[in-house]
C-alpha atoms as a PDB file:
ATOM      1  CA  UNK A   1     183.909  69.485 221.689  1.00  0.00           C
ATOM      2  CA  UNK A   2     184.160  68.827 225.385  1.00  0.00           C
ATOM      3  CA  UNK A   3     186.258  70.046 228.283  1.00  0.00           C
ATOM      4  CA  UNK A   4     188.744  67.959 230.193  1.00  0.00           C
ATOM      5  CA  UNK A   5     188.927  67.872 233.976  1.00  0.00           C
ATOM      6  CA  UNK A   6     191.476  70.705 233.861  1.00  0.00           C
ATOM      7  CA  UNK A   7     189.161  72.694 231.543  1.00  0.00           C
ATOM      8  CA  UNK A   8     191.181  72.155 228.368  1.00  0.00           C
ATOM      9  CA  UNK A   9     189.249  71.825 225.117  1.00  0.00           C
ATOM     10  CA  UNK A  10     189.090  68.274 223.830  1.00  0.00           C
ATOM     11  CA  UNK A  11     187.890  67.540 220.326  1.00  0.00           C
ATOM     12  CA  UNK A  12     186.675  63.993 219.704  1.00  0.00           C
ATOM     13  CA  UNK A  13     185.494  62.218 216.585  1.00  0.00           C
ATOM     14  CA  UNK A  14     182.913  59.520 217.215  1.00  0.00           C
ATOM     15  CA  UNK A  15     181.689  56.803 214.889  1.00  0.00           C
ATOM     16  CA  UNK A  16     178.680  54.898 216.164  1.00  0.00           C
ATOM     17  CA  UNK A  17     177.258  51.856 214.446  1.00  0.00           C
ATOM     18  CA  UNK A  18     173.724  51.091 215.528  1.00  0.00           C
ATOM     19  CA  UNK A  19     170.495  49.477 214.456  1.00  0.00           C
ATOM     20  CA  UNK A  20     166.928  50.071 215.493  1.00  0.00           C
ATOM     21  CA  UNK A  21     165.125  47.222 217.213  1.00  0.00           C
ATOM     22  CA  UNK A  22     162.540  46.009 214.721  1.00  0.00           C
ATOM     23  CA  UNK A  23     160.045  45.490 217.557  1.00  0.00           C
ATOM     24  CA  UNK A  24     159.944  49.213 218.371  1.00  0.00           C
ATOM     25  CA  UNK A  25     160.706  50.895 215.067  1.00  0.00           C
ATOM     26  CA  UNK A  26     157.054  51.791 214.484  1.00  0.00           C
ATOM     27  CA  UNK A  27     156.817  53.453 217.925  1.00  0.00           C
ATOM     28  CA  UNK A  28     160.035  55.363 217.265  1.00  0.00           C
ATOM     29  CA  UNK A  29     158.811  56.738 213.961  1.00  0.00           C
ATOM     30  CA  UNK A  30     155.345  57.488 215.330  1.00  0.00           C
ATOM     31  CA  UNK A  31     156.469  59.227 218.535  1.00  0.00           C
ATOM     32  CA  UNK A  32     159.777  60.780 217.473  1.00  0.00           C
ATOM     33  CA  UNK A  33     159.660  60.801 213.681  1.00  0.00           C
ATOM     34  CA  UNK A  34     162.310  60.437 211.041  1.00  0.00           C
ATOM     35  CA  UNK A  35     164.488  62.961 212.857  1.00  0.00           C
ATOM     36  CA  UNK A  36     165.287  60.479 215.659  1.00  0.00           C
ATOM     37  CA  UNK A  37     169.059  60.802 215.123  1.00  0.00           C
ATOM     38  CA  UNK A  38     169.043  64.540 215.787  1.00  0.00           C
ATOM     39  CA  UNK A  39     166.589  64.309 218.668  1.00  0.00           C
ATOM     40  CA  UNK A  40     167.875  61.215 220.501  1.00  0.00           C
ATOM     41  CA  UNK A  41     171.123  59.662 219.273  1.00  0.00           C
ATOM     42  CA  UNK A  42     173.352  62.698 218.728  1.00  0.00           C
ATOM     43  CA  UNK A  43     172.455  64.395 222.059  1.00  0.00           C
ATOM     44  CA  UNK A  44     173.067  61.117 223.914  1.00  0.00           C
ATOM     45  CA  UNK A  45     176.488  60.750 222.302  1.00  0.00           C
ATOM     46  CA  UNK A  46     177.386  64.348 223.180  1.00  0.00           C
ATOM     47  CA  UNK A  47     176.338  63.861 226.801  1.00  0.00           C
ATOM     48  CA  UNK A  48     178.296  60.631 227.262  1.00  0.00           C
ATOM     49  CA  UNK A  49     181.436  62.037 225.620  1.00  0.00           C
ATOM     50  CA  UNK A  50     181.311  65.228 227.695  1.00  0.00           C
ATOM     51  CA  UNK A  51     180.749  63.318 230.939  1.00  0.00           C
ATOM     52  CA  UNK A  52     183.535  60.849 230.172  1.00  0.00           C
ATOM     53  CA  UNK A  53     186.026  63.495 229.026  1.00  0.00           C
ATOM     54  CA  UNK A  54     185.445  65.617 232.123  1.00  0.00           C
ATOM     55  CA  UNK A  55     186.833  62.827 234.326  1.00  0.00           C
ATOM     56  CA  UNK A  56     190.359  63.161 232.911  1.00  0.00           C
ATOM     57  CA  UNK A  57     192.988  65.873 232.557  1.00  0.00           C
ATOM     58  CA  UNK A  58     194.064  66.752 229.015  1.00  0.00           C
ATOM     59  CA  UNK A  59     197.275  64.736 229.239  1.00  0.00           C
ATOM     60  CA  UNK A  60     195.375  61.746 230.641  1.00  0.00           C
ATOM     61  CA  UNK A  61     192.999  61.842 227.664  1.00  0.00           C
ATOM     62  CA  UNK A  62     196.010  61.127 225.474  1.00  0.00           C
ATOM     63  CA  UNK A  63     197.878  58.646 227.669  1.00  0.00           C
ATOM     64  CA  UNK A  64     194.731  56.749 228.708  1.00  0.00           C
ATOM     65  CA  UNK A  65     192.956  56.882 225.360  1.00  0.00           C
ATOM     66  CA  UNK A  66     191.846  53.237 225.488  1.00  0.00           C
ATOM     67  CA  UNK A  67     190.377  53.657 228.985  1.00  0.00           C
ATOM     68  CA  UNK A  68     188.473  56.769 227.905  1.00  0.00           C
ATOM     69  CA  UNK A  69     187.202  54.949 224.813  1.00  0.00           C
ATOM     70  CA  UNK A  70     185.951  52.081 226.986  1.00  0.00           C
ATOM     71  CA  UNK A  71     184.252  54.543 229.341  1.00  0.00           C
ATOM     72  CA  UNK A  72     182.470  56.231 226.430  1.00  0.00           C
ATOM     73  CA  UNK A  73     181.451  52.874 224.988  1.00  0.00           C
ATOM     74  CA  UNK A  74     180.041  51.621 228.295  1.00  0.00           C
ATOM     75  CA  UNK A  75     178.224  54.929 228.779  1.00  0.00           C
ATOM     76  CA  UNK A  76     176.551  54.528 225.406  1.00  0.00           C
ATOM     77  CA  UNK A  77     175.507  50.974 226.241  1.00  0.00           C
ATOM     78  CA  UNK A  78     173.999  52.188 229.511  1.00  0.00           C
ATOM     79  CA  UNK A  79     171.882  54.746 227.668  1.00  0.00           C
ATOM     80  CA  UNK A  80     170.452  51.867 225.595  1.00  0.00           C
ATOM     81  CA  UNK A  81     171.380  53.379 222.258  1.00  0.00           C
END
C-alpha cells in the first residue's frame, strides 16, 4: 500500500526477479543472514514504490501506468537490488 500525490490509497502488486552476485553471496549470508529478503529487498521495494507512487495523482497512476512502472523499475536499479 502507498499513497498517491492526492493522498488516495494505491495498492500495487510487485514481482521482482533477482539473483545474488556470486562474488558477494558469502558476505551477504555472513553479515545479514538467510533473512536478507525481509531485511533488505522487501523494504527497498516498499520505499521505491511509495516514493514513485507519491509523484502521481490517483487518476494518473491509472492513465500513466507504464510511466510509473518504468519509474519503479529505474528506482530499483538505482538501489542496486
